[in-house]
Amino acid sequence: MSVAESLSPRECRLVEVEWEDITGLDNRNEDDGPFQPTSIVSVGWLLEDNAKWLTIATSYDHTNSKWASITVIPKLPPVVKFLAESESPGL
């Protein structure tokens, strides 16, 4: 059991987190508009805060002493590596 799993709502801070989520456009067409992330506001109990992500939960099951509706929010920017043409499929 992780530390976060052993906590109850009384032991966690309630937080509001504004963040940008990715948007996948698997079947994009002209009506989809510009490529851009989705702006999100999440509210919940802060379970974990480390260098790479925040973990919050929006509900807690008191009967089973268990967190539910957990969201992991990345903190770090993505790492982009440009590939040479010989490493890029489809070129």
C-alpha atoms as a PDB file:
ATOM      1  CA  MET A   1       0.000   0.000   0.000  1.00  0.00           C
ATOM      2  CA  SER A   2       1.382   3.411  -0.962  1.00  0.00           C
ATOM      3  CA  VAL A   3       1.419   6.352   1.430  1.00  0.00           C
ATOM      4  CA  ALA A   4      -1.334   8.063  -0.592  1.00  0.00           C
ATOM      5  CA  GLU A   5      -3.587   5.000  -0.321  1.00  0.00           C
ATOM      6  CA  SER A   6      -3.310   5.028   3.468  1.00  0.00           C
ATOM      7  CA  LEU A   7      -4.404   8.682   3.770  1.00  0.00           C
ATOM      8  CA  SER A   8      -7.944   9.862   4.432  1.00  0.00           C
ATOM      9  CA  PRO A   9      -9.540  13.145   3.289  1.00  0.00           C
ATOM     10  CA  ARG A  10      -8.911  14.649   6.746  1.00  0.00           C
ATOM     11  CA  GLU A  11      -5.155  14.181   6.218  1.00  0.00           C
ATOM     12  CA  CYS A  12      -4.992  15.718   2.700  1.00  0.00           C
ATOM     13  CA  ARG A  13      -5.196  19.280   1.437  1.00  0.00           C
ATOM     14  CA  LEU A  14      -8.035  20.243  -0.858  1.00  0.00           C
ATOM     15  CA  VAL A  15      -6.597  21.845  -4.019  1.00  0.00           C
ATOM     16  CA  GLU A  16      -7.611  23.392  -7.331  1.00  0.00           C
ATOM     17  CA  VAL A  17      -5.194  22.704 -10.201  1.00  0.00           C
ATOM     18  CA  GLU A  18      -5.287  24.517 -13.551  1.00  0.00           C
ATOM     19  CA  TRP A  19      -3.483  22.542 -16.246  1.00  0.00           C
ATOM     20  CA  GLU A  20      -3.299  21.777 -19.961  1.00  0.00           C
ATOM     21  CA  ASP A  21      -4.269  18.301 -21.149  1.00  0.00           C
ATOM     22  CA  ILE A  22      -3.290  16.838 -24.497  1.00  0.00           C
ATOM     23  CA  THR A  23      -5.781  16.474 -27.302  1.00  0.00           C
ATOM     24  CA  GLY A  24      -5.603  13.543 -29.686  1.00  0.00           C
ATOM     25  CA  LEU A  25      -7.049  13.969 -33.160  1.00  0.00           C
ATOM     26  CA  ASP A  26      -6.994  10.460 -34.619  1.00  0.00           C
ATOM     27  CA  ASN A  27      -9.506  11.234 -37.373  1.00  0.00           C
ATOM     28  CA  ARG A  28      -8.925  14.938 -37.949  1.00  0.00           C
ATOM     29  CA  ASN A  29     -10.975  16.823 -40.501  1.00  0.00           C
ATOM     30  CA  GLU A  30     -11.156  20.507 -41.489  1.00  0.00           C
ATOM     31  CA  ASP A  31     -13.972  21.259 -39.008  1.00  0.00           C
ATOM     32  CA  ASP A  32     -11.883  20.272 -35.947  1.00  0.00           C
ATOM     33  CA  GLY A  33     -10.269  23.701 -35.606  1.00  0.00           C
ATOM     34  CA  PRO A  34      -6.669  24.408 -34.586  1.00  0.00           C
ATOM     35  CA  PHE A  35      -4.441  21.925 -32.795  1.00  0.00           C
ATOM     36  CA  GLN A  36      -4.272  22.972 -29.152  1.00  0.00           C
ATOM     37  CA  PRO A  37      -4.355  21.412 -25.689  1.00  0.00           C
ATOM     38  CA  THR A  38      -7.492  21.440 -23.590  1.00  0.00           C
ATOM     39  CA  SER A  39      -7.549  23.752 -20.551  1.00  0.00           C
ATOM     40  CA  ILE A  40      -8.677  21.858 -17.446  1.00  0.00           C
ATOM     41  CA  VAL A  41      -9.444  22.834 -13.842  1.00  0.00           C
ATOM     42  CA  SER A  42      -9.416  19.880 -11.443  1.00  0.00           C
ATOM     43  CA  VAL A  43     -10.469  20.049  -7.792  1.00  0.00           C
ATOM     44  CA  GLY A  44      -9.711  17.346  -5.249  1.00  0.00           C
ATOM     45  CA  TRP A  45      -7.588  16.098  -2.392  1.00  0.00           C
ATOM     46  CA  LEU A  46      -3.843  16.225  -3.049  1.00  0.00           C
ATOM     47  CA  LEU A  47      -2.479  12.700  -2.639  1.00  0.00           C
ATOM     48  CA  GLU A  48       1.003  13.138  -4.114  1.00  0.00           C
ATOM     49  CA  ASP A  49       3.210  16.023  -5.239  1.00  0.00           C
ATOM     50  CA  ASN A  50       6.595  15.095  -6.690  1.00  0.00           C
ATOM     51  CA  ALA A  51       8.942  16.488  -9.345  1.00  0.00           C
ATOM     52  CA  LYS A  52       7.093  14.829 -12.246  1.00  0.00           C
ATOM     53  CA  TRP A  53       3.385  14.890 -11.355  1.00  0.00           C
ATOM     54  CA  LEU A  54       0.547  15.747  -8.978  1.00  0.00           C
ATOM     55  CA  THR A  55      -2.007  13.116  -7.999  1.00  0.00           C
ATOM     56  CA  ILE A  56      -5.431  14.240  -6.811  1.00  0.00           C
ATOM     57  CA  ALA A  57      -8.601  12.341  -5.964  1.00  0.00           C
ATOM     58  CA  THR A  58     -12.099  13.732  -6.341  1.00  0.00           C
ATOM     59  CA  SER A  59     -13.928  11.182  -4.212  1.00  0.00           C
ATOM     60  CA  TYR A  60     -13.374   8.835  -1.273  1.00  0.00           C
ATOM     61  CA  ASP A  61     -15.248   5.643  -0.388  1.00  0.00           C
ATOM     62  CA  HIS A  62     -15.619   5.743   3.426  1.00  0.00           C
ATOM     63  CA  THR A  63     -17.150   2.249   3.546  1.00  0.00           C
ATOM     64  CA  ASN A  64     -14.049   0.638   2.041  1.00  0.00           C
ATOM     65  CA  SER A  65     -11.529   3.348   3.048  1.00  0.00           C
ATOM     66  CA  LYS A  66     -10.496   3.787  -0.559  1.00  0.00           C
ATOM     67  CA  TRP A  67      -9.805   6.723  -2.918  1.00  0.00           C
ATOM     68  CA  ALA A  68     -11.666   6.932  -6.236  1.00  0.00           C
ATOM     69  CA  SER A  69     -11.681   9.147  -9.322  1.00  0.00           C
ATOM     70  CA  ILE A  70      -7.925   9.715  -9.270  1.00  0.00           C
ATOM     71  CA  THR A  71      -6.245  12.127 -11.718  1.00  0.00           C
ATOM     72  CA  VAL A  72      -2.500  12.235 -12.379  1.00  0.00           C
ATOM     73  CA  ILE A  73      -1.385  15.623 -13.723  1.00  0.00           C
ATOM     74  CA  PRO A  74       2.057  15.896 -15.354  1.00  0.00           C
ATOM     75  CA  LYS A  75       4.342  18.750 -14.259  1.00  0.00           C
ATOM     76  CA  LEU A  76       7.301  18.418 -16.601  1.00  0.00           C
ATOM     77  CA  PRO A  77       7.278  19.507 -20.227  1.00  0.00           C
ATOM     78  CA  PRO A  78       7.567  16.746 -22.817  1.00  0.00           C
ATOM     79  CA  VAL A  79      10.981  15.690 -24.087  1.00  0.00           C
ATOM     80  CA  VAL A  80      11.264  16.156 -27.850  1.00  0.00           C
ATOM     81  CA  LYS A  81      13.946  14.296 -29.801  1.00  0.00           C
ATOM     82  CA  PHE A  82      14.323  15.083 -33.487  1.00  0.00           C
ATOM     83  CA  LEU A  83      15.032  11.963 -35.512  1.00  0.00           C
ATOM     84  CA  ALA A  84      17.218  11.726 -38.577  1.00  0.00           C
ATOM     85  CA  GLU A  85      15.384  10.873 -41.809  1.00  0.00           C
ATOM     86  CA  SER A  86      16.790   7.344 -41.685  1.00  0.00           C
ATOM     87  CA  GLU A  87      15.129   6.863 -38.245  1.00  0.00           C
ATOM     88  CA  SER A  88      11.764   8.357 -39.259  1.00  0.00           C
ATOM     89  CA  PRO A  89       9.269   5.885 -40.684  1.00  0.00           C
ATOM     90  CA  GLY A  90       7.358   7.107 -43.699  1.00  0.00           C
ATOM     91  CA  LEU A  91       9.928   9.631 -44.930  1.00  0.00           C
END
